Amino acid sequence: MAKGRGRMGGIGGAQSGMLRQLQSLQENVTKAQEEIAAMTVEATAGGGAVAVTVTGERRLQSIVINPDVVDPDDVEMLQDLVVAAVNQGLERIDEVAAEKMNAATGGLAGMGLPGLG
């Protein structure tokens, strides 16, 4: 019987260690999420003709348009530059966020586990 109890104690100890690891992982993920939410990235299009700032919460924060590219006869080009810059900014936020989450989870975020990516 004593042997059986020792086994259970070992399992309980392993579970306790796993629980501590999961708590640490959750703390790392929460910290990474807070850092991501607080960050901003800048992106440009058209050789700097349009510059945007995007937040970690995937919100467009600002757009700066070089007055030299404002041509009333070619509004479509300016619209395309704005779209390209915003999309580039969103892609960069996604890349940086993925890197931070991957670092916070020790690579588990990249495995497609729910709640980690």
N, C-alpha and C. Protein backbone atom coordinates (compact mmCIF):
# COMPACT_ATOMS: atom_id res chain seq x y z
N MET A 1 0.82 -1.19 0.00
CA MET A 1 0.00 0.00 0.00
C MET A 1 0.86 1.25 0.00
N ALA A 2 1.91 1.22 0.78
CA ALA A 2 2.77 2.40 0.86
C ALA A 2 3.34 2.71 -0.50
N LYS A 3 3.59 1.65 -1.25
CA LYS A 3 4.12 1.85 -2.60
C LYS A 3 3.13 2.62 -3.46
N GLY A 4 1.86 2.26 -3.38
CA GLY A 4 0.82 2.93 -4.15
C GLY A 4 0.71 4.40 -3.80
N ARG A 5 0.80 4.72 -2.50
CA ARG A 5 0.70 6.11 -2.09
C ARG A 5 1.87 6.91 -2.61
N GLY A 6 3.03 6.31 -2.65
CA GLY A 6 4.21 7.00 -3.16
C GLY A 6 4.03 7.35 -4.63
N ARG A 7 3.42 6.45 -5.35
CA ARG A 7 3.15 6.70 -6.76
C ARG A 7 2.21 7.87 -6.93
N MET A 8 1.16 7.89 -6.15
CA MET A 8 0.19 8.98 -6.25
C MET A 8 0.85 10.30 -5.88
N GLY A 9 1.70 10.26 -4.86
CA GLY A 9 2.41 11.48 -4.48
C GLY A 9 3.27 11.98 -5.62
N GLY A 10 3.89 11.06 -6.35
CA GLY A 10 4.71 11.45 -7.50
C GLY A 10 3.87 12.05 -8.60
N ILE A 11 2.71 11.50 -8.82
CA ILE A 11 1.81 12.04 -9.84
C ILE A 11 1.34 13.42 -9.41
N GLY A 12 0.98 13.55 -8.14
CA GLY A 12 0.53 14.84 -7.62
C GLY A 12 1.62 15.89 -7.75
N GLY A 13 2.87 15.48 -7.49
CA GLY A 13 3.99 16.42 -7.63
C GLY A 13 4.19 16.84 -9.07
N ALA A 14 4.01 15.89 -9.98
CA ALA A 14 4.14 16.22 -11.41
C ALA A 14 3.03 17.15 -11.83
N GLN A 15 1.82 16.89 -11.33
CA GLN A 15 0.70 17.77 -11.65
C GLN A 15 0.93 19.16 -11.09
N SER A 16 1.46 19.23 -9.90
CA SER A 16 1.75 20.53 -9.28
C SER A 16 2.79 21.29 -10.10
N GLY A 17 3.81 20.59 -10.57
CA GLY A 17 4.83 21.22 -11.41
C GLY A 17 4.25 21.68 -12.73
N MET A 18 3.38 20.87 -13.30
CA MET A 18 2.74 21.24 -14.56
C MET A 18 1.84 22.46 -14.36
N LEU A 19 1.13 22.49 -13.24
CA LEU A 19 0.26 23.63 -12.94
C LEU A 19 1.09 24.91 -12.82
N ARG A 20 2.24 24.82 -12.17
CA ARG A 20 3.12 26.00 -12.06
C ARG A 20 3.60 26.44 -13.44
N GLN A 21 3.93 25.49 -14.30
CA GLN A 21 4.36 25.83 -15.65
C GLN A 21 3.24 26.50 -16.44
N LEU A 22 2.03 25.99 -16.29
CA LEU A 22 0.88 26.58 -16.99
C LEU A 22 0.59 27.99 -16.48
N GLN A 23 0.72 28.19 -15.17
CA GLN A 23 0.51 29.52 -14.61
C GLN A 23 1.56 30.49 -15.13
N SER A 24 2.79 30.03 -15.21
CA SER A 24 3.87 30.86 -15.75
C SER A 24 3.62 31.18 -17.21
N LEU A 25 3.18 30.19 -17.96
CA LEU A 25 2.85 30.39 -19.37
C LEU A 25 1.74 31.42 -19.52
N GLN A 26 0.71 31.31 -18.69
CA GLN A 26 -0.40 32.28 -18.75
C GLN A 26 0.09 33.68 -18.42
N GLU A 27 0.98 33.81 -17.44
CA GLU A 27 1.53 35.13 -17.10
C GLU A 27 2.33 35.69 -18.27
N ASN A 28 3.11 34.85 -18.93
CA ASN A 28 3.88 35.28 -20.09
C ASN A 28 2.98 35.73 -21.23
N VAL A 29 1.91 34.98 -21.47
CA VAL A 29 0.97 35.31 -22.54
C VAL A 29 0.28 36.63 -22.22
N THR A 30 -0.16 36.80 -20.99
CA THR A 30 -0.82 38.05 -20.59
C THR A 30 0.11 39.24 -20.76
N LYS A 31 1.35 39.08 -20.33
CA LYS A 31 2.33 40.16 -20.48
C LYS A 31 2.57 40.48 -21.96
N ALA A 32 2.70 39.45 -22.78
CA ALA A 32 2.92 39.66 -24.22
C ALA A 32 1.71 40.36 -24.84
N GLN A 33 0.51 39.97 -24.44
CA GLN A 33 -0.70 40.61 -24.97
C GLN A 33 -0.74 42.09 -24.60
N GLU A 34 -0.34 42.41 -23.38
CA GLU A 34 -0.30 43.81 -22.95
C GLU A 34 0.74 44.60 -23.74
N GLU A 35 1.90 43.99 -23.97
CA GLU A 35 2.95 44.65 -24.75
C GLU A 35 2.50 44.87 -26.19
N ILE A 36 1.84 43.89 -26.76
CA ILE A 36 1.34 44.01 -28.13
C ILE A 36 0.32 45.14 -28.23
N ALA A 37 -0.61 45.19 -27.29
CA ALA A 37 -1.65 46.22 -27.30
C ALA A 37 -1.05 47.61 -27.21
N ALA A 38 0.07 47.76 -26.50
CA ALA A 38 0.68 49.07 -26.29
C ALA A 38 1.60 49.52 -27.43
N MET A 39 1.95 48.62 -28.34
CA MET A 39 2.92 48.99 -29.37
C MET A 39 2.28 49.62 -30.59
N THR A 40 3.12 50.28 -31.38
CA THR A 40 2.70 50.83 -32.66
C THR A 40 3.78 50.50 -33.68
N VAL A 41 3.37 50.41 -34.94
CA VAL A 41 4.34 50.25 -36.03
C VAL A 41 4.00 51.27 -37.10
N GLU A 42 5.03 51.64 -37.84
CA GLU A 42 4.85 52.53 -38.96
C GLU A 42 5.12 51.77 -40.25
N ALA A 43 4.39 52.13 -41.28
CA ALA A 43 4.58 51.52 -42.60
C ALA A 43 4.38 52.61 -43.64
N THR A 44 5.06 52.42 -44.78
CA THR A 44 4.95 53.41 -45.85
C THR A 44 4.65 52.72 -47.18
N ALA A 45 4.19 53.52 -48.12
CA ALA A 45 3.96 53.03 -49.48
C ALA A 45 4.35 54.16 -50.43
N GLY A 46 4.68 53.77 -51.64
CA GLY A 46 5.05 54.75 -52.65
C GLY A 46 6.32 55.49 -52.31
N GLY A 47 7.29 54.75 -51.76
CA GLY A 47 8.57 55.37 -51.42
C GLY A 47 8.44 56.44 -50.35
N GLY A 48 7.49 56.28 -49.45
CA GLY A 48 7.29 57.23 -48.36
C GLY A 48 6.22 58.28 -48.66
N ALA A 49 5.56 58.16 -49.80
CA ALA A 49 4.50 59.11 -50.16
C ALA A 49 3.35 59.06 -49.17
N VAL A 50 3.07 57.87 -48.66
CA VAL A 50 2.03 57.70 -47.65
C VAL A 50 2.64 56.92 -46.50
N ALA A 51 2.47 57.44 -45.29
CA ALA A 51 2.96 56.77 -44.08
C ALA A 51 1.80 56.60 -43.11
N VAL A 52 1.74 55.44 -42.50
CA VAL A 52 0.67 55.17 -41.54
C VAL A 52 1.29 54.64 -40.25
N THR A 53 0.54 54.83 -39.18
CA THR A 53 0.89 54.23 -37.89
C THR A 53 -0.29 53.37 -37.47
N VAL A 54 0.02 52.12 -37.11
CA VAL A 54 -1.00 51.15 -36.71
C VAL A 54 -0.67 50.69 -35.29
N THR A 55 -1.71 50.55 -34.46
CA THR A 55 -1.48 50.10 -33.08
C THR A 55 -1.50 48.58 -33.01
N GLY A 56 -1.02 48.07 -31.89
CA GLY A 56 -1.05 46.63 -31.64
C GLY A 56 -2.45 46.08 -31.54
N GLU A 57 -3.42 46.94 -31.36
CA GLU A 57 -4.82 46.52 -31.33
C GLU A 57 -5.43 46.55 -32.73
N ARG A 58 -4.54 46.68 -33.74
CA ARG A 58 -4.93 46.67 -35.16
C ARG A 58 -5.84 47.84 -35.51
N ARG A 59 -5.51 48.99 -34.95
CA ARG A 59 -6.25 50.22 -35.25
C ARG A 59 -5.33 51.17 -35.99
N LEU A 60 -5.87 51.82 -37.01
CA LEU A 60 -5.13 52.83 -37.74
C LEU A 60 -5.07 54.06 -36.85
N GLN A 61 -3.87 54.49 -36.50
CA GLN A 61 -3.70 55.61 -35.59
C GLN A 61 -3.51 56.93 -36.35
N SER A 62 -2.73 56.88 -37.45
CA SER A 62 -2.51 58.11 -38.21
C SER A 62 -2.14 57.79 -39.65
N ILE A 63 -2.40 58.77 -40.50
CA ILE A 63 -2.00 58.72 -41.91
C ILE A 63 -1.33 60.05 -42.22
N VAL A 64 -0.16 59.98 -42.84
CA VAL A 64 0.53 61.18 -43.31
C VAL A 64 0.72 61.04 -44.81
N ILE A 65 0.24 62.02 -45.55
CA ILE A 65 0.35 61.98 -47.01
C ILE A 65 1.24 63.13 -47.45
N ASN A 66 2.26 62.79 -48.20
CA ASN A 66 3.16 63.80 -48.76
C ASN A 66 2.36 64.63 -49.76
N PRO A 67 2.31 65.95 -49.57
CA PRO A 67 1.52 66.79 -50.48
C PRO A 67 1.93 66.67 -51.95
N ASP A 68 3.15 66.27 -52.21
CA ASP A 68 3.60 66.13 -53.60
C ASP A 68 2.84 65.05 -54.36
N VAL A 69 2.24 64.10 -53.68
CA VAL A 69 1.54 63.02 -54.37
C VAL A 69 0.04 63.29 -54.51
N VAL A 70 -0.40 64.42 -54.00
CA VAL A 70 -1.82 64.76 -54.10
C VAL A 70 -2.06 65.37 -55.49
N ASP A 71 -2.64 64.57 -56.35
CA ASP A 71 -2.94 64.98 -57.72
C ASP A 71 -4.44 64.79 -57.92
N PRO A 72 -5.19 65.91 -58.03
CA PRO A 72 -6.64 65.77 -58.18
C PRO A 72 -7.04 64.97 -59.41
N ASP A 73 -6.14 64.82 -60.36
CA ASP A 73 -6.47 64.05 -61.56
C ASP A 73 -6.15 62.56 -61.40
N ASP A 74 -5.54 62.21 -60.28
CA ASP A 74 -5.18 60.80 -60.07
C ASP A 74 -5.45 60.40 -58.61
N VAL A 75 -6.67 60.58 -58.18
CA VAL A 75 -7.07 60.23 -56.81
C VAL A 75 -6.93 58.73 -56.59
N GLU A 76 -7.17 57.95 -57.61
CA GLU A 76 -7.10 56.48 -57.49
C GLU A 76 -5.72 56.02 -57.03
N MET A 77 -4.66 56.64 -57.56
CA MET A 77 -3.31 56.27 -57.15
C MET A 77 -3.10 56.55 -55.67
N LEU A 78 -3.57 57.68 -55.19
CA LEU A 78 -3.43 58.02 -53.78
C LEU A 78 -4.22 57.02 -52.92
N GLN A 79 -5.40 56.68 -53.34
CA GLN A 79 -6.19 55.70 -52.60
C GLN A 79 -5.46 54.35 -52.53
N ASP A 80 -4.87 53.94 -53.63
CA ASP A 80 -4.12 52.69 -53.66
C ASP A 80 -2.93 52.74 -52.71
N LEU A 81 -2.25 53.88 -52.65
CA LEU A 81 -1.10 54.02 -51.74
C LEU A 81 -1.54 53.94 -50.28
N VAL A 82 -2.68 54.56 -49.97
CA VAL A 82 -3.19 54.50 -48.60
C VAL A 82 -3.53 53.06 -48.23
N VAL A 83 -4.22 52.37 -49.11
CA VAL A 83 -4.59 50.97 -48.85
C VAL A 83 -3.32 50.12 -48.67
N ALA A 84 -2.34 50.31 -49.53
CA ALA A 84 -1.10 49.53 -49.44
C ALA A 84 -0.38 49.80 -48.13
N ALA A 85 -0.30 51.05 -47.71
CA ALA A 85 0.39 51.39 -46.47
C ALA A 85 -0.33 50.81 -45.26
N VAL A 86 -1.64 50.91 -45.24
CA VAL A 86 -2.41 50.36 -44.11
C VAL A 86 -2.25 48.85 -44.05
N ASN A 87 -2.36 48.18 -45.18
CA ASN A 87 -2.20 46.72 -45.19
C ASN A 87 -0.80 46.31 -44.73
N GLN A 88 0.21 47.05 -45.16
CA GLN A 88 1.58 46.75 -44.73
C GLN A 88 1.70 46.94 -43.22
N GLY A 89 1.10 47.98 -42.68
CA GLY A 89 1.14 48.21 -41.24
C GLY A 89 0.47 47.09 -40.47
N LEU A 90 -0.68 46.64 -40.95
CA LEU A 90 -1.39 45.54 -40.29
C LEU A 90 -0.58 44.24 -40.35
N GLU A 91 0.05 43.99 -41.50
CA GLU A 91 0.90 42.80 -41.62
C GLU A 91 2.07 42.85 -40.65
N ARG A 92 2.67 44.02 -40.50
CA ARG A 92 3.80 44.16 -39.57
C ARG A 92 3.37 43.94 -38.14
N ILE A 93 2.20 44.48 -37.77
CA ILE A 93 1.69 44.25 -36.41
C ILE A 93 1.48 42.76 -36.19
N ASP A 94 0.89 42.08 -37.16
CA ASP A 94 0.67 40.64 -37.04
C ASP A 94 1.98 39.88 -36.87
N GLU A 95 3.00 40.26 -37.64
CA GLU A 95 4.31 39.60 -37.54
C GLU A 95 4.94 39.82 -36.18
N VAL A 96 4.94 41.07 -35.71
CA VAL A 96 5.55 41.37 -34.41
C VAL A 96 4.77 40.69 -33.29
N ALA A 97 3.44 40.71 -33.38
CA ALA A 97 2.61 40.06 -32.37
C ALA A 97 2.89 38.55 -32.33
N ALA A 98 3.01 37.94 -33.50
CA ALA A 98 3.29 36.50 -33.56
C ALA A 98 4.65 36.18 -32.94
N GLU A 99 5.63 37.02 -33.21
CA GLU A 99 6.96 36.81 -32.61
C GLU A 99 6.90 36.92 -31.09
N LYS A 100 6.19 37.93 -30.58
CA LYS A 100 6.08 38.11 -29.14
C LYS A 100 5.34 36.95 -28.49
N MET A 101 4.25 36.52 -29.11
CA MET A 101 3.50 35.40 -28.54
C MET A 101 4.31 34.11 -28.61
N ASN A 102 5.05 33.91 -29.68
CA ASN A 102 5.89 32.73 -29.81
C ASN A 102 6.95 32.71 -28.71
N ALA A 103 7.55 33.89 -28.46
CA ALA A 103 8.56 33.98 -27.41
C ALA A 103 7.93 33.75 -26.04
N ALA A 104 6.73 34.28 -25.83
CA ALA A 104 6.06 34.15 -24.53
C ALA A 104 5.63 32.72 -24.24
N THR A 105 5.33 31.96 -25.28
CA THR A 105 4.82 30.60 -25.08
C THR A 105 5.88 29.53 -25.33
N GLY A 106 7.09 29.96 -25.59
CA GLY A 106 8.14 28.99 -25.87
C GLY A 106 7.90 28.21 -27.14
N GLY A 107 7.24 28.84 -28.11
CA GLY A 107 6.99 28.20 -29.39
C GLY A 107 5.63 27.55 -29.52
N LEU A 108 4.87 27.47 -28.43
CA LEU A 108 3.57 26.81 -28.50
C LEU A 108 2.56 27.62 -29.31
N ALA A 109 2.69 28.95 -29.36
CA ALA A 109 1.74 29.78 -30.09
C ALA A 109 1.73 29.42 -31.57
N GLY A 110 2.88 29.06 -32.10
CA GLY A 110 2.98 28.73 -33.50
C GLY A 110 2.40 27.38 -33.87
N MET A 111 1.95 26.64 -32.85
CA MET A 111 1.42 25.29 -33.11
C MET A 111 -0.09 25.31 -33.31
N GLY A 112 -0.70 26.49 -33.28
CA GLY A 112 -2.13 26.60 -33.53
C GLY A 112 -3.00 26.15 -32.37
N LEU A 113 -2.47 26.18 -31.15
CA LEU A 113 -3.27 25.79 -29.99
C LEU A 113 -4.23 26.92 -29.65
N PRO A 114 -5.49 26.63 -29.35
CA PRO A 114 -6.46 27.67 -29.04
C PRO A 114 -6.01 28.53 -27.87
N GLY A 115 -6.19 29.84 -28.01
CA GLY A 115 -5.87 30.77 -26.93
C GLY A 115 -4.42 31.18 -26.85
N LEU A 116 -3.57 30.61 -27.68
CA LEU A 116 -2.14 30.94 -27.61
C LEU A 116 -1.66 31.71 -28.81
N GLY A 117 -2.47 31.98 -29.78
CA GLY A 117 -1.97 32.65 -30.95
C GLY A 117 -2.78 33.74 -31.44
